[in-house]
Amino acid sequence: MRKLLLASAIAAVSATSAFAGGYVAPVVAPAPVVVEKRSSSSAGLWIPLALLVVVALIVANDDDPDLDASDIRLKTDITPVGTAMNGLPLYHFRYHGLPTVYEGVMAQDVLSRFPEAVVVGPGGLLSVNYRMLGLEMKVVH
């Protein structure tokens, strides 16, 4: 799963215009800096930052193949689809900026019922040990 997420993140970044054609075009003039104030209640993350965080979590958890980045702040298009045998809600979701749809849990739900299965990673983002839950994160499409 980790290699699939890493490949998806790389593909998403590679598809940007800056990386089109396999090279980075030279900068002709500096781009103007635009500062946008976001409210603290904003649920979304800046997409390039989210991609980097997902990749960082994947690499950081590479020594434990049972850990998957499961923090709700990394996900979008979240749809409840049922309940696992252990009572946790199951969702379909995508990681910000990535096209693949997954089925799995939200770390925040796991934290309230099975805190021993949650690991705090870079920036306070949460990963889940799916094996401890008797579950597996699945690719839907």
N, C-alpha and C. Protein backbone atom coordinates (compact mmCIF):
# COMPACT_ATOMS: atom_id res chain seq x y z
N MET A 1 0.84 -1.19 0.00
CA MET A 1 0.00 0.00 0.00
C MET A 1 0.88 1.24 0.00
N ARG A 2 1.95 1.21 0.80
CA ARG A 2 2.83 2.35 0.93
C ARG A 2 3.46 2.69 -0.42
N LYS A 3 3.91 1.67 -1.16
CA LYS A 3 4.53 1.91 -2.46
C LYS A 3 3.51 2.47 -3.44
N LEU A 4 2.26 2.01 -3.36
CA LEU A 4 1.21 2.52 -4.21
C LEU A 4 0.94 3.99 -3.92
N LEU A 5 0.87 4.36 -2.64
CA LEU A 5 0.66 5.76 -2.28
C LEU A 5 1.83 6.63 -2.73
N LEU A 6 3.05 6.13 -2.54
CA LEU A 6 4.22 6.89 -2.95
C LEU A 6 4.21 7.08 -4.46
N ALA A 7 3.88 6.03 -5.20
CA ALA A 7 3.81 6.14 -6.66
C ALA A 7 2.73 7.12 -7.07
N SER A 8 1.58 7.11 -6.39
CA SER A 8 0.49 8.05 -6.69
C SER A 8 0.92 9.48 -6.43
N ALA A 9 1.62 9.69 -5.31
CA ALA A 9 2.08 11.04 -4.96
C ALA A 9 3.09 11.54 -6.00
N ILE A 10 4.01 10.67 -6.39
CA ILE A 10 5.01 11.05 -7.40
C ILE A 10 4.34 11.34 -8.73
N ALA A 11 3.35 10.50 -9.11
CA ALA A 11 2.64 10.72 -10.36
C ALA A 11 1.89 12.04 -10.33
N ALA A 12 1.27 12.36 -9.20
CA ALA A 12 0.52 13.61 -9.09
C ALA A 12 1.44 14.81 -9.20
N VAL A 13 2.59 14.74 -8.55
CA VAL A 13 3.55 15.84 -8.63
C VAL A 13 4.14 15.93 -10.03
N SER A 14 4.44 14.78 -10.63
CA SER A 14 5.03 14.75 -11.97
C SER A 14 4.08 15.29 -13.03
N ALA A 15 2.78 15.20 -12.78
CA ALA A 15 1.80 15.65 -13.74
C ALA A 15 1.62 17.15 -13.74
N THR A 16 2.21 17.85 -12.79
CA THR A 16 2.08 19.31 -12.76
C THR A 16 2.86 19.91 -13.91
N SER A 17 2.48 21.10 -14.32
CA SER A 17 3.10 21.72 -15.48
C SER A 17 4.59 21.96 -15.28
N ALA A 18 5.02 22.14 -14.04
CA ALA A 18 6.45 22.39 -13.80
C ALA A 18 7.28 21.16 -14.12
N PHE A 19 6.67 19.97 -14.05
CA PHE A 19 7.43 18.76 -14.30
C PHE A 19 7.06 18.10 -15.62
N ALA A 20 6.19 18.73 -16.40
CA ALA A 20 5.78 18.15 -17.67
C ALA A 20 6.99 17.99 -18.58
N GLY A 21 7.08 16.87 -19.24
CA GLY A 21 8.19 16.63 -20.15
C GLY A 21 9.44 16.17 -19.46
N GLY A 22 9.41 15.98 -18.15
CA GLY A 22 10.54 15.43 -17.43
C GLY A 22 11.61 16.45 -17.04
N TYR A 23 11.39 17.71 -17.28
CA TYR A 23 12.37 18.71 -16.85
C TYR A 23 11.64 19.91 -16.28
N VAL A 24 12.37 20.71 -15.55
CA VAL A 24 11.80 21.92 -14.98
C VAL A 24 12.23 23.09 -15.84
N ALA A 25 11.25 23.85 -16.33
CA ALA A 25 11.55 25.00 -17.16
C ALA A 25 12.25 26.08 -16.34
N PRO A 26 13.18 26.81 -16.95
CA PRO A 26 13.87 27.86 -16.20
C PRO A 26 12.90 28.98 -15.81
N VAL A 27 13.17 29.58 -14.68
CA VAL A 27 12.33 30.68 -14.20
C VAL A 27 12.76 31.95 -14.91
N VAL A 28 11.82 32.62 -15.57
CA VAL A 28 12.13 33.83 -16.31
C VAL A 28 12.05 35.05 -15.40
N ALA A 29 11.01 35.12 -14.59
CA ALA A 29 10.83 36.22 -13.66
C ALA A 29 10.23 35.65 -12.39
N PRO A 30 10.59 36.23 -11.27
CA PRO A 30 10.01 35.71 -10.03
C PRO A 30 8.50 35.92 -10.00
N ALA A 31 7.81 34.93 -9.52
CA ALA A 31 6.36 35.03 -9.41
C ALA A 31 6.00 35.91 -8.23
N PRO A 32 4.91 36.67 -8.35
CA PRO A 32 4.49 37.50 -7.22
C PRO A 32 4.05 36.60 -6.06
N VAL A 33 4.29 37.07 -4.86
CA VAL A 33 3.90 36.32 -3.67
C VAL A 33 2.49 36.74 -3.29
N VAL A 34 1.61 35.77 -3.19
CA VAL A 34 0.23 36.04 -2.80
C VAL A 34 0.00 35.37 -1.46
N VAL A 35 -0.42 36.15 -0.50
CA VAL A 35 -0.70 35.61 0.83
C VAL A 35 -2.21 35.57 1.00
N GLU A 36 -2.70 34.38 1.30
CA GLU A 36 -4.14 34.21 1.49
C GLU A 36 -4.38 33.83 2.93
N LYS A 37 -5.21 34.58 3.59
CA LYS A 37 -5.55 34.26 4.97
C LYS A 37 -6.63 33.20 4.97
N ARG A 38 -6.36 32.09 5.66
CA ARG A 38 -7.34 31.02 5.76
C ARG A 38 -7.84 30.98 7.19
N SER A 39 -9.11 30.69 7.31
CA SER A 39 -9.67 30.60 8.66
C SER A 39 -9.16 29.33 9.33
N SER A 40 -9.09 29.35 10.64
CA SER A 40 -8.59 28.20 11.38
C SER A 40 -9.55 27.02 11.27
N SER A 41 -10.77 27.26 10.84
CA SER A 41 -11.74 26.17 10.71
C SER A 41 -11.67 25.50 9.34
N SER A 42 -10.74 25.96 8.50
CA SER A 42 -10.61 25.38 7.17
C SER A 42 -10.24 23.91 7.27
N ALA A 43 -11.03 23.04 6.64
CA ALA A 43 -10.80 21.59 6.72
C ALA A 43 -9.74 21.13 5.75
N GLY A 44 -9.48 21.90 4.70
CA GLY A 44 -8.55 21.46 3.67
C GLY A 44 -7.12 21.86 3.95
N LEU A 45 -6.21 21.12 3.39
CA LEU A 45 -4.79 21.47 3.45
C LEU A 45 -4.37 21.93 2.08
N TRP A 46 -3.35 22.72 2.04
CA TRP A 46 -2.78 23.13 0.77
C TRP A 46 -2.30 21.87 0.08
N ILE A 47 -2.76 21.59 -1.14
CA ILE A 47 -2.56 20.29 -1.78
C ILE A 47 -1.09 19.91 -1.94
N PRO A 48 -0.20 20.77 -2.45
CA PRO A 48 1.20 20.32 -2.53
C PRO A 48 1.78 19.97 -1.16
N LEU A 49 1.40 20.72 -0.14
CA LEU A 49 1.86 20.41 1.21
C LEU A 49 1.32 19.05 1.65
N ALA A 50 0.05 18.79 1.36
CA ALA A 50 -0.56 17.51 1.72
C ALA A 50 0.17 16.35 1.04
N LEU A 51 0.53 16.53 -0.23
CA LEU A 51 1.27 15.48 -0.93
C LEU A 51 2.60 15.21 -0.26
N LEU A 52 3.31 16.27 0.11
CA LEU A 52 4.59 16.09 0.78
C LEU A 52 4.43 15.40 2.13
N VAL A 53 3.37 15.76 2.85
CA VAL A 53 3.14 15.14 4.16
C VAL A 53 2.81 13.66 4.01
N VAL A 54 1.98 13.32 3.01
CA VAL A 54 1.66 11.91 2.78
C VAL A 54 2.93 11.14 2.46
N VAL A 55 3.75 11.68 1.57
CA VAL A 55 5.00 11.00 1.23
C VAL A 55 5.90 10.90 2.45
N ALA A 56 5.97 11.95 3.26
CA ALA A 56 6.80 11.91 4.47
C ALA A 56 6.31 10.85 5.44
N LEU A 57 5.00 10.74 5.60
CA LEU A 57 4.45 9.71 6.48
C LEU A 57 4.73 8.32 5.95
N ILE A 58 4.64 8.16 4.63
CA ILE A 58 4.92 6.85 4.03
C ILE A 58 6.37 6.47 4.27
N VAL A 59 7.27 7.41 4.04
CA VAL A 59 8.70 7.13 4.23
C VAL A 59 9.01 6.91 5.71
N ALA A 60 8.43 7.74 6.58
CA ALA A 60 8.68 7.62 8.01
C ALA A 60 8.19 6.28 8.55
N ASN A 61 7.11 5.76 7.99
CA ASN A 61 6.54 4.50 8.46
C ASN A 61 7.04 3.31 7.67
N ASP A 62 8.05 3.50 6.83
CA ASP A 62 8.51 2.43 5.96
C ASP A 62 9.05 1.24 6.73
N ASP A 63 9.50 1.45 7.98
CA ASP A 63 10.01 0.34 8.77
C ASP A 63 8.87 -0.48 9.37
N ASP A 64 7.64 0.00 9.31
CA ASP A 64 6.48 -0.75 9.81
C ASP A 64 5.43 -0.80 8.70
N PRO A 65 5.39 -1.91 7.96
CA PRO A 65 4.48 -2.00 6.82
C PRO A 65 3.00 -2.02 7.20
N ASP A 66 2.69 -2.13 8.50
CA ASP A 66 1.30 -2.15 8.93
C ASP A 66 0.74 -0.75 9.17
N LEU A 67 1.60 0.29 9.15
CA LEU A 67 1.15 1.66 9.39
C LEU A 67 0.75 2.33 8.08
N ASP A 68 -0.39 3.02 8.12
CA ASP A 68 -0.83 3.81 6.98
C ASP A 68 -1.27 5.18 7.46
N ALA A 69 -0.93 6.21 6.68
CA ALA A 69 -1.34 7.58 7.01
C ALA A 69 -2.87 7.63 6.98
N SER A 70 -3.49 7.88 8.12
CA SER A 70 -4.95 7.78 8.21
C SER A 70 -5.59 9.01 8.84
N ASP A 71 -4.85 10.08 8.98
CA ASP A 71 -5.38 11.31 9.58
C ASP A 71 -6.43 11.92 8.65
N ILE A 72 -7.55 12.30 9.21
CA ILE A 72 -8.64 12.88 8.42
C ILE A 72 -8.20 14.14 7.69
N ARG A 73 -7.19 14.84 8.21
CA ARG A 73 -6.71 16.08 7.59
C ARG A 73 -6.00 15.83 6.27
N LEU A 74 -5.62 14.58 5.98
CA LEU A 74 -4.95 14.23 4.73
C LEU A 74 -5.92 13.77 3.66
N LYS A 75 -7.21 13.68 4.01
CA LYS A 75 -8.18 13.03 3.13
C LYS A 75 -9.26 13.97 2.64
N THR A 76 -9.85 13.60 1.51
CA THR A 76 -10.94 14.36 0.92
C THR A 76 -11.98 13.39 0.37
N ASP A 77 -13.12 13.89 -0.03
CA ASP A 77 -14.19 13.06 -0.58
C ASP A 77 -14.51 11.89 0.34
N ILE A 78 -14.64 12.16 1.61
CA ILE A 78 -14.86 11.12 2.63
C ILE A 78 -16.34 10.75 2.66
N THR A 79 -16.61 9.45 2.47
CA THR A 79 -17.98 8.95 2.46
C THR A 79 -18.09 7.73 3.37
N PRO A 80 -18.97 7.76 4.38
CA PRO A 80 -19.16 6.57 5.22
C PRO A 80 -19.74 5.44 4.38
N VAL A 81 -19.20 4.21 4.55
CA VAL A 81 -19.68 3.08 3.76
C VAL A 81 -20.07 1.87 4.61
N GLY A 82 -19.87 1.94 5.91
CA GLY A 82 -20.25 0.82 6.74
C GLY A 82 -19.48 0.80 8.04
N THR A 83 -19.51 -0.36 8.69
CA THR A 83 -18.84 -0.54 9.97
C THR A 83 -18.03 -1.83 9.94
N ALA A 84 -16.81 -1.77 10.42
CA ALA A 84 -15.94 -2.95 10.48
C ALA A 84 -16.41 -3.86 11.61
N MET A 85 -15.92 -5.10 11.61
CA MET A 85 -16.29 -6.08 12.64
C MET A 85 -15.92 -5.59 14.05
N ASN A 86 -14.89 -4.74 14.15
CA ASN A 86 -14.47 -4.22 15.45
C ASN A 86 -15.26 -2.98 15.88
N GLY A 87 -16.25 -2.60 15.09
CA GLY A 87 -17.11 -1.48 15.44
C GLY A 87 -16.68 -0.13 14.90
N LEU A 88 -15.53 -0.04 14.25
CA LEU A 88 -15.06 1.24 13.70
C LEU A 88 -15.79 1.56 12.40
N PRO A 89 -16.11 2.83 12.18
CA PRO A 89 -16.71 3.22 10.90
C PRO A 89 -15.71 3.05 9.76
N LEU A 90 -16.19 2.61 8.61
CA LEU A 90 -15.38 2.50 7.40
C LEU A 90 -15.79 3.59 6.43
N TYR A 91 -14.83 4.10 5.69
CA TYR A 91 -15.05 5.19 4.75
C TYR A 91 -14.39 4.90 3.41
N HIS A 92 -14.93 5.50 2.36
CA HIS A 92 -14.22 5.63 1.09
C HIS A 92 -13.66 7.05 1.11
N PHE A 93 -12.44 7.22 0.61
CA PHE A 93 -11.80 8.53 0.63
C PHE A 93 -10.67 8.57 -0.38
N ARG A 94 -10.20 9.77 -0.66
CA ARG A 94 -8.99 10.00 -1.45
C ARG A 94 -8.06 10.84 -0.60
N TYR A 95 -6.76 10.70 -0.83
CA TYR A 95 -5.81 11.62 -0.22
C TYR A 95 -5.81 12.89 -1.06
N HIS A 96 -5.69 14.04 -0.40
CA HIS A 96 -5.68 15.32 -1.11
C HIS A 96 -4.72 15.26 -2.30
N GLY A 97 -5.21 15.62 -3.47
CA GLY A 97 -4.38 15.70 -4.66
C GLY A 97 -4.12 14.38 -5.36
N LEU A 98 -4.64 13.27 -4.86
CA LEU A 98 -4.41 11.97 -5.48
C LEU A 98 -5.73 11.40 -5.98
N PRO A 99 -5.72 10.70 -7.12
CA PRO A 99 -6.98 10.22 -7.71
C PRO A 99 -7.53 8.91 -7.14
N THR A 100 -6.70 8.09 -6.53
CA THR A 100 -7.12 6.77 -6.08
C THR A 100 -8.10 6.86 -4.91
N VAL A 101 -9.15 6.03 -4.95
CA VAL A 101 -10.13 5.96 -3.87
C VAL A 101 -9.80 4.73 -3.02
N TYR A 102 -9.77 4.92 -1.71
CA TYR A 102 -9.45 3.86 -0.76
C TYR A 102 -10.63 3.62 0.16
N GLU A 103 -10.62 2.44 0.81
CA GLU A 103 -11.55 2.14 1.88
C GLU A 103 -10.73 1.89 3.13
N GLY A 104 -11.07 2.58 4.20
CA GLY A 104 -10.34 2.41 5.44
C GLY A 104 -10.97 3.22 6.56
N VAL A 105 -10.18 3.43 7.59
CA VAL A 105 -10.66 4.12 8.80
C VAL A 105 -10.04 5.51 8.89
N MET A 106 -10.59 6.30 9.78
CA MET A 106 -10.01 7.60 10.11
C MET A 106 -9.28 7.44 11.44
N ALA A 107 -8.06 7.95 11.49
CA ALA A 107 -7.25 7.82 12.71
C ALA A 107 -7.96 8.41 13.93
N GLN A 108 -8.71 9.48 13.73
CA GLN A 108 -9.40 10.12 14.85
C GLN A 108 -10.44 9.17 15.45
N ASP A 109 -11.12 8.37 14.63
CA ASP A 109 -12.06 7.37 15.14
C ASP A 109 -11.33 6.28 15.91
N VAL A 110 -10.20 5.85 15.36
CA VAL A 110 -9.42 4.77 15.98
C VAL A 110 -8.89 5.24 17.33
N LEU A 111 -8.44 6.48 17.40
CA LEU A 111 -7.86 7.04 18.62
C LEU A 111 -8.83 6.94 19.80
N SER A 112 -10.10 7.11 19.54
CA SER A 112 -11.08 7.08 20.64
C SER A 112 -11.38 5.66 21.14
N ARG A 113 -11.16 4.64 20.31
CA ARG A 113 -11.48 3.26 20.71
C ARG A 113 -10.27 2.37 20.88
N PHE A 114 -9.24 2.57 20.05
CA PHE A 114 -8.04 1.73 20.08
C PHE A 114 -6.78 2.61 20.01
N PRO A 115 -6.53 3.42 21.04
CA PRO A 115 -5.41 4.37 20.98
C PRO A 115 -4.05 3.70 20.77
N GLU A 116 -3.91 2.45 21.18
CA GLU A 116 -2.64 1.75 21.00
C GLU A 116 -2.32 1.48 19.53
N ALA A 117 -3.32 1.60 18.64
CA ALA A 117 -3.12 1.35 17.22
C ALA A 117 -2.79 2.63 16.44
N VAL A 118 -2.65 3.76 17.15
CA VAL A 118 -2.40 5.05 16.50
C VAL A 118 -0.99 5.53 16.82
N VAL A 119 -0.30 6.02 15.78
CA VAL A 119 1.05 6.56 15.93
C VAL A 119 1.02 8.02 15.48
N VAL A 120 1.61 8.90 16.28
CA VAL A 120 1.70 10.32 15.93
C VAL A 120 2.97 10.52 15.12
N GLY A 121 2.81 11.10 13.93
CA GLY A 121 3.94 11.30 13.02
C GLY A 121 4.31 12.75 12.88
N PRO A 122 5.04 13.09 11.80
CA PRO A 122 5.46 14.46 11.55
C PRO A 122 4.29 15.43 11.55
N GLY A 123 4.47 16.56 12.19
CA GLY A 123 3.44 17.59 12.24
C GLY A 123 2.21 17.20 13.04
N GLY A 124 2.32 16.14 13.85
CA GLY A 124 1.19 15.70 14.65
C GLY A 124 0.15 14.90 13.88
N LEU A 125 0.47 14.56 12.61
CA LEU A 125 -0.47 13.78 11.81
C LEU A 125 -0.45 12.33 12.26
N LEU A 126 -1.61 11.68 12.15
CA LEU A 126 -1.79 10.35 12.72
C LEU A 126 -1.74 9.25 11.67
N SER A 127 -1.11 8.14 12.03
CA SER A 127 -1.10 6.92 11.23
C SER A 127 -1.74 5.82 12.06
N VAL A 128 -2.26 4.81 11.37
CA VAL A 128 -2.94 3.71 12.04
C VAL A 128 -2.26 2.39 11.70
N ASN A 129 -2.12 1.54 12.70
CA ASN A 129 -1.62 0.19 12.50
C ASN A 129 -2.84 -0.69 12.21
N TYR A 130 -3.08 -0.94 10.93
CA TYR A 130 -4.26 -1.70 10.52
C TYR A 130 -4.23 -3.14 11.03
N ARG A 131 -3.06 -3.73 11.14
CA ARG A 131 -2.96 -5.11 11.62
C ARG A 131 -3.50 -5.22 13.05
N MET A 132 -3.19 -4.22 13.89
CA MET A 132 -3.69 -4.24 15.27
C MET A 132 -5.22 -4.18 15.32
N LEU A 133 -5.81 -3.64 14.26
CA LEU A 133 -7.27 -3.53 14.19
C LEU A 133 -7.91 -4.74 13.52
N GLY A 134 -7.08 -5.62 12.96
CA GLY A 134 -7.61 -6.75 12.21
C GLY A 134 -8.21 -6.32 10.88
N LEU A 135 -7.71 -5.19 10.33
CA LEU A 135 -8.23 -4.63 9.09
C LEU A 135 -7.11 -4.43 8.08
N GLU A 136 -7.52 -4.10 6.87
CA GLU A 136 -6.57 -3.74 5.82
C GLU A 136 -7.17 -2.59 5.02
N MET A 137 -6.36 -1.57 4.74
CA MET A 137 -6.83 -0.48 3.89
C MET A 137 -6.87 -1.03 2.47
N LYS A 138 -7.98 -0.78 1.77
CA LYS A 138 -8.18 -1.36 0.44
C LYS A 138 -8.27 -0.28 -0.62
N VAL A 139 -7.81 -0.59 -1.83
CA VAL A 139 -8.00 0.28 -2.98
C VAL A 139 -9.37 -0.04 -3.56
N VAL A 140 -10.21 1.00 -3.70
CA VAL A 140 -11.54 0.81 -4.27
C VAL A 140 -11.47 0.97 -5.79
N HIS A 141 -10.87 2.06 -6.23
CA HIS A 141 -10.61 2.32 -7.66
C HIS A 141 -9.79 3.58 -7.81
